Structure formats: C-alpha cells, structure tokens
Amino acid sequence: MKFLLTLLATCMLASLAWAAEPVNVNTASAEEIAESLNGVGLIKAARIVEYRQANGPFTHVDELVNVKGIGIRTIDKNKEMILLQAAGVQADN
C-alpha cells in the first residue's frame, strides 16, 4: 500500500512539473517566474523582477547570474523554460 501511495504522489508531482510553461523573465511577475522555474522561489523571483526594473530587460539568459541567489546551475536546469522577449514585442509565428 505504501508503494502505491508513493507512486501516486510521484506521478502527481511529475505532472505538475510537466504543466509548467516557459516564462518571459522580461515581463512576468515574480509569482509567474516562481511557478515556472525549478529552484526559483518567490524571493529569488522577486529579485529577478527588481533587477529587471533597475537594469532593463535581460538580453541573454546568462545575465540572470547577476541576480543575487541565481547561479549558473539554476540557469542551466531552466534554459528551456526561460524566455527573453522584450516587453511590447510580439514573437513571429
């Protein structure tokens, strides 16, 4: 029985991870960033927003290392989830 409960909990957590959508760190709120990026909680996400407001939009994903608490390992494990589209610019379809 314990095995089945553990398996069920693991499947539920995995489905939540798959449900996360890529996030535009140049326009998203701290809450949206925290929900989408692995290893980034609300405090680190708020620091990303504060850095963006003080320094302008990010032009390269590696610039996120300039945010206190964000290291290259965090960036590497989230690269597919980080978008850098500037505010007010629409992507080509």
Protein backbone atom coordinates (compact mmCIF):
# COMPACT_ATOMS: atom_id res chain seq x y z
CA MET A 1 0.00 0.00 0.00
CA LYS A 2 2.83 2.41 0.86
CA PHE A 3 4.38 1.72 -2.53
CA LEU A 4 1.17 2.63 -4.34
CA LEU A 5 0.79 5.88 -2.39
CA THR A 6 4.41 6.80 -3.10
CA LEU A 7 3.95 6.02 -6.78
CA LEU A 8 0.78 8.11 -6.93
CA ALA A 9 2.46 11.07 -5.21
CA THR A 10 5.43 10.84 -7.58
CA CYS A 11 3.16 10.82 -10.63
CA MET A 12 1.24 13.83 -9.35
CA LEU A 13 4.44 15.82 -8.75
CA ALA A 14 5.80 14.86 -12.16
CA SER A 15 2.61 16.01 -13.86
CA LEU A 16 2.90 19.38 -12.11
CA ALA A 17 6.45 19.79 -13.42
CA TRP A 18 5.32 19.00 -16.95
CA ALA A 19 2.48 21.50 -16.67
CA ALA A 20 4.88 24.42 -16.17
CA GLU A 21 5.03 26.79 -19.11
CA PRO A 22 8.05 28.75 -20.31
CA VAL A 23 8.18 32.18 -18.70
CA ASN A 24 9.27 35.51 -20.12
CA VAL A 25 11.52 36.90 -17.39
CA ASN A 26 11.31 40.34 -19.02
CA THR A 27 7.56 40.69 -18.47
CA ALA A 28 6.43 38.08 -15.93
CA SER A 29 5.50 38.76 -12.34
CA ALA A 30 7.52 37.25 -9.51
CA GLU A 31 4.71 34.75 -8.93
CA GLU A 32 4.77 33.60 -12.56
CA ILE A 33 8.56 33.23 -12.52
CA ALA A 34 8.49 31.25 -9.26
CA GLU A 35 5.81 28.90 -10.62
CA SER A 36 7.69 28.17 -13.85
CA LEU A 37 11.34 27.90 -12.87
CA ASN A 38 12.78 24.98 -10.94
CA GLY A 39 14.73 26.07 -7.88
CA VAL A 40 13.43 29.64 -8.00
CA GLY A 41 11.08 30.55 -5.20
CA LEU A 42 9.18 33.76 -4.65
CA ILE A 43 12.13 35.61 -3.05
CA LYS A 44 14.54 34.85 -5.93
CA ALA A 45 11.81 35.59 -8.46
CA ALA A 46 11.20 38.97 -6.81
CA ARG A 47 14.93 39.68 -7.10
CA ILE A 48 14.73 38.91 -10.84
CA VAL A 49 11.88 41.42 -11.21
CA GLU A 50 13.74 44.03 -9.13
CA TYR A 51 16.91 43.57 -11.19
CA ARG A 52 14.92 43.88 -14.43
CA GLN A 53 13.25 47.08 -13.23
CA ALA A 54 16.59 48.62 -12.18
CA ASN A 55 18.68 47.50 -15.19
CA GLY A 56 16.27 47.00 -18.06
CA PRO A 57 15.30 43.79 -19.83
CA PHE A 58 17.59 40.78 -19.95
CA THR A 59 19.18 40.32 -23.37
CA HIS A 60 20.85 36.96 -22.68
CA VAL A 61 19.82 34.20 -20.30
CA ASP A 62 23.27 34.17 -18.65
CA GLU A 63 22.65 37.74 -17.38
CA LEU A 64 20.44 36.17 -14.72
CA VAL A 65 23.62 35.29 -12.77
CA ASN A 66 23.77 38.99 -11.88
CA VAL A 67 20.69 38.44 -9.70
CA LYS A 68 21.55 37.53 -6.10
CA GLY A 69 20.79 33.86 -5.50
CA ILE A 70 20.68 32.85 -9.17
CA GLY A 71 23.64 30.76 -10.27
CA ILE A 72 24.68 29.11 -13.50
CA ARG A 73 23.31 25.75 -12.32
CA THR A 74 19.85 27.25 -11.83
CA ILE A 75 20.04 28.79 -15.30
CA ASP A 76 21.26 25.57 -16.90
CA LYS A 77 18.43 23.47 -15.48
CA ASN A 78 15.83 26.05 -16.60
CA LYS A 79 17.17 27.16 -20.02
CA GLU A 80 14.23 25.64 -21.90
CA MET A 81 11.80 27.44 -19.60
CA ILE A 82 13.30 30.95 -19.81
CA LEU A 83 12.09 33.36 -22.49
CA LEU A 84 13.69 36.77 -23.03
CA GLN A 85 11.24 38.53 -25.30
CA ALA A 86 11.31 42.26 -24.57
CA ALA A 87 8.16 43.92 -23.24
CA GLY A 88 5.85 45.09 -26.01
CA VAL A 89 7.48 42.93 -28.71
CA GLN A 90 5.47 40.14 -30.27
CA ALA A 91 7.12 36.92 -31.42
CA ASP A 92 6.81 35.87 -35.07
CA ASN A 93 4.61 32.83 -35.60
